[in-house]
PDB file of N, CA and C in Angstrom:
ATOM      1  N   PHE A   1      46.903  44.445 -14.052  1.00  0.00           N
ATOM      2  CA  PHE A   1      47.567  43.168 -14.160  1.00  0.00           C
ATOM      3  C   PHE A   1      48.443  43.095 -15.405  1.00  0.00           C
ATOM      4  N   SER A   2      48.002  43.712 -16.490  1.00  0.00           N
ATOM      5  CA  SER A   2      48.774  43.625 -17.735  1.00  0.00           C
ATOM      6  C   SER A   2      50.159  44.246 -17.585  1.00  0.00           C
ATOM      7  N   GLU A   3      50.268  45.352 -16.837  1.00  0.00           N
ATOM      8  CA  GLU A   3      51.579  45.963 -16.607  1.00  0.00           C
ATOM      9  C   GLU A   3      52.437  45.080 -15.712  1.00  0.00           C
ATOM     10  N   PHE A   4      51.830  44.437 -14.740  1.00  0.00           N
ATOM     11  CA  PHE A   4      52.531  43.509 -13.845  1.00  0.00           C
ATOM     12  C   PHE A   4      53.109  42.355 -14.664  1.00  0.00           C
ATOM     13  N   LYS A   5      52.305  41.817 -15.558  1.00  0.00           N
ATOM     14  CA  LYS A   5      52.741  40.716 -16.419  1.00  0.00           C
ATOM     15  C   LYS A   5      53.841  41.178 -17.373  1.00  0.00           C
ATOM     16  N   LYS A   6      53.655  42.344 -17.984  1.00  0.00           N
ATOM     17  CA  LYS A   6      54.650  42.883 -18.913  1.00  0.00           C
ATOM     18  C   LYS A   6      55.972  43.139 -18.191  1.00  0.00           C
ATOM     19  N   GLY A   7      55.917  43.616 -16.966  1.00  0.00           N
ATOM     20  CA  GLY A   7      57.125  43.844 -16.180  1.00  0.00           C
ATOM     21  C   GLY A   7      57.916  42.571 -15.979  1.00  0.00           C
ATOM     22  N   HIS A   8      57.229  41.483 -15.712  1.00  0.00           N
ATOM     23  CA  HIS A   8      57.906  40.190 -15.561  1.00  0.00           C
ATOM     24  C   HIS A   8      58.551  39.762 -16.878  1.00  0.00           C
ATOM     25  N   GLU A   9      57.849  39.983 -17.972  1.00  0.00           N
ATOM     26  CA  GLU A   9      58.401  39.635 -19.288  1.00  0.00           C
ATOM     27  C   GLU A   9      59.647  40.468 -19.588  1.00  0.00           C
ATOM     28  N   LEU A  10      59.608  41.772 -19.266  1.00  0.00           N
ATOM     29  CA  LEU A  10      60.750  42.650 -19.514  1.00  0.00           C
ATOM     30  C   LEU A  10      61.958  42.278 -18.654  1.00  0.00           C
ATOM     31  N   MET A  11      61.703  41.691 -17.493  1.00  0.00           N
ATOM     32  CA  MET A  11      62.796  41.251 -16.621  1.00  0.00           C
ATOM     33  C   MET A  11      63.368  39.914 -17.065  1.00  0.00           C
ATOM     34  N   GLY A  12      62.791  39.335 -18.102  1.00  0.00           N
ATOM     35  CA  GLY A  12      63.315  38.088 -18.635  1.00  0.00           C
ATOM     36  C   GLY A  12      62.727  36.839 -18.019  1.00  0.00           C
ATOM     37  N   VAL A  13      61.644  36.997 -17.266  1.00  0.00           N
ATOM     38  CA  VAL A  13      60.977  35.831 -16.689  1.00  0.00           C
ATOM     39  C   VAL A  13      60.274  35.097 -17.827  1.00  0.00           C
ATOM     40  N   GLU A  14      60.653  33.856 -18.041  1.00  0.00           N
ATOM     41  CA  GLU A  14      60.086  33.083 -19.142  1.00  0.00           C
ATOM     42  C   GLU A  14      59.096  32.051 -18.619  1.00  0.00           C
ATOM     43  N   ASP A  15      58.246  31.587 -19.501  1.00  0.00           N
ATOM     44  CA  ASP A  15      57.251  30.567 -19.153  1.00  0.00           C
ATOM     45  C   ASP A  15      56.441  30.970 -17.926  1.00  0.00           C
ATOM     46  N   ILE A  16      55.846  32.151 -17.999  1.00  0.00           N
ATOM     47  CA  ILE A  16      55.065  32.667 -16.881  1.00  0.00           C
ATOM     48  C   ILE A  16      53.765  31.879 -16.763  1.00  0.00           C
ATOM     49  N   ASP A  17      53.540  31.309 -15.597  1.00  0.00           N
ATOM     50  CA  ASP A  17      52.277  30.639 -15.300  1.00  0.00           C
ATOM     51  C   ASP A  17      51.275  31.735 -14.940  1.00  0.00           C
ATOM     52  N   GLU A  18      50.348  32.013 -15.826  1.00  0.00           N
ATOM     53  CA  GLU A  18      49.442  33.141 -15.625  1.00  0.00           C
ATOM     54  C   GLU A  18      48.623  32.998 -14.347  1.00  0.00           C
ATOM     55  N   TYR A  19      48.221  31.799 -13.996  1.00  0.00           N
ATOM     56  CA  TYR A  19      47.469  31.596 -12.757  1.00  0.00           C
ATOM     57  C   TYR A  19      48.303  32.026 -11.551  1.00  0.00           C
ATOM     58  N   ALA A  20      49.558  31.594 -11.501  1.00  0.00           N
ATOM     59  CA  ALA A  20      50.441  31.946 -10.384  1.00  0.00           C
ATOM     60  C   ALA A  20      50.714  33.448 -10.368  1.00  0.00           C
ATOM     61  N   LEU A  21      50.871  34.044 -11.540  1.00  0.00           N
ATOM     62  CA  LEU A  21      51.125  35.476 -11.630  1.00  0.00           C
ATOM     63  C   LEU A  21      49.914  36.269 -11.135  1.00  0.00           C
ATOM     64  N   ARG A  22      48.717  35.845 -11.527  1.00  0.00           N
ATOM     65  CA  ARG A  22      47.499  36.518 -11.044  1.00  0.00           C
ATOM     66  C   ARG A  22      47.337  36.355  -9.532  1.00  0.00           C
ATOM     67  N   LYS A  23      47.659  35.182  -9.035  1.00  0.00           N
ATOM     68  CA  LYS A  23      47.568  34.926  -7.596  1.00  0.00           C
ATOM     69  C   LYS A  23      48.511  35.861  -6.835  1.00  0.00           C
ATOM     70  N   GLU A  24      49.732  36.023  -7.336  1.00  0.00           N
ATOM     71  CA  GLU A  24      50.703  36.922  -6.708  1.00  0.00           C
ATOM     72  C   GLU A  24      50.243  38.372  -6.801  1.00  0.00           C
ATOM     73  N   PHE A  25      49.692  38.759  -7.949  1.00  0.00           N
ATOM     74  CA  PHE A  25      49.176  40.115  -8.116  1.00  0.00           C
ATOM     75  C   PHE A  25      48.091  40.406  -7.081  1.00  0.00           C
ATOM     76  N   HIS A  26      47.169  39.485  -6.919  1.00  0.00           N
ATOM     77  CA  HIS A  26      46.070  39.682  -5.971  1.00  0.00           C
ATOM     78  C   HIS A  26      46.556  39.643  -4.524  1.00  0.00           C
ATOM     79  N   ARG A  27      47.628  38.924  -4.253  1.00  0.00           N
ATOM     80  CA  ARG A  27      48.203  38.904  -2.909  1.00  0.00           C
ATOM     81  C   ARG A  27      48.786  40.276  -2.566  1.00  0.00           C
ATOM     82  N   ILE A  28      49.423  40.912  -3.548  1.00  0.00           N
ATOM     83  CA  ILE A  28      50.034  42.227  -3.330  1.00  0.00           C
ATOM     84  C   ILE A  28      48.973  43.324  -3.314  1.00  0.00           C
ATOM     85  N   ASP A  29      47.965  43.218  -4.160  1.00  0.00           N
ATOM     86  CA  ASP A  29      46.904  44.225  -4.286  1.00  0.00           C
ATOM     87  C   ASP A  29      45.923  44.078  -3.120  1.00  0.00           C
ATOM     88  N   THR A  30      46.362  44.515  -1.948  1.00  0.00           N
ATOM     89  CA  THR A  30      45.593  44.267  -0.721  1.00  0.00           C
ATOM     90  C   THR A  30      44.255  45.001  -0.659  1.00  0.00           C
ATOM     91  N   ASN A  31      44.126  46.126  -1.370  1.00  0.00           N
ATOM     92  CA  ASN A  31      42.837  46.827  -1.348  1.00  0.00           C
ATOM     93  C   ASN A  31      41.932  46.389  -2.500  1.00  0.00           C
ATOM     94  N   HIS A  32      42.410  45.439  -3.319  1.00  0.00           N
ATOM     95  CA  HIS A  32      41.652  44.864  -4.438  1.00  0.00           C
ATOM     96  C   HIS A  32      41.161  45.927  -5.422  1.00  0.00           C
ATOM     97  N   GLY A  33      41.988  46.960  -5.618  1.00  0.00           N
ATOM     98  CA  GLY A  33      41.634  48.036  -6.534  1.00  0.00           C
ATOM     99  C   GLY A  33      42.015  47.775  -7.981  1.00  0.00           C
ATOM    100  N   GLY A  34      42.735  46.686  -8.228  1.00  0.00           N
ATOM    101  CA  GLY A  34      43.141  46.375  -9.589  1.00  0.00           C
ATOM    102  C   GLY A  34      44.480  46.968  -9.976  1.00  0.00           C
ATOM    103  N   TYR A  35      45.085  47.693  -9.043  1.00  0.00           N
ATOM    104  CA  TYR A  35      46.397  48.289  -9.245  1.00  0.00           C
ATOM    105  C   TYR A  35      47.246  47.992  -8.019  1.00  0.00           C
ATOM    106  N   ILE A  36      48.552  47.917  -8.209  1.00  0.00           N
ATOM    107  CA  ILE A  36      49.450  47.762  -7.067  1.00  0.00           C
ATOM    108  C   ILE A  36      49.956  49.151  -6.710  1.00  0.00           C
ATOM    109  N   LEU A  37      49.565  49.612  -5.549  1.00  0.00           N
ATOM    110  CA  LEU A  37      49.937  50.939  -5.085  1.00  0.00           C
ATOM    111  C   LEU A  37      51.251  50.898  -4.324  1.00  0.00           C
ATOM    112  N   PHE A  38      51.918  52.048  -4.253  1.00  0.00           N
ATOM    113  CA  PHE A  38      53.184  52.158  -3.535  1.00  0.00           C
ATOM    114  C   PHE A  38      53.038  51.646  -2.103  1.00  0.00           C
ATOM    115  N   ASP A  39      51.970  52.029  -1.437  1.00  0.00           N
ATOM    116  CA  ASP A  39      51.738  51.614  -0.042  1.00  0.00           C
ATOM    117  C   ASP A  39      51.594  50.103   0.101  1.00  0.00           C
ATOM    118  N   GLU A  40      51.190  49.430  -0.944  1.00  0.00           N
ATOM    119  CA  GLU A  40      50.985  47.986  -0.880  1.00  0.00           C
ATOM    120  C   GLU A  40      52.288  47.204  -1.005  1.00  0.00           C
ATOM    121  N   VAL A  41      53.319  47.836  -1.511  1.00  0.00           N
ATOM    122  CA  VAL A  41      54.598  47.134  -1.668  1.00  0.00           C
ATOM    123  C   VAL A  41      55.674  47.633  -0.714  1.00  0.00           C
ATOM    124  N   CYS A  42      55.406  48.689   0.008  1.00  0.00           N
ATOM    125  CA  CYS A  42      56.411  49.239   0.935  1.00  0.00           C
ATOM    126  C   CYS A  42      55.980  49.091   2.376  1.00  0.00           C
TER     127      CYS A  42
END
């Protein structure tokens, strides 16, 4: 999750709502492994 959050910060996303960001991370992380895998986004 920390890399996901840092990526948003590097893209210039300001005022990140951490709850919404975590919710989106968990939506993408379909196997609930704690990482977003290539297969989960393609």
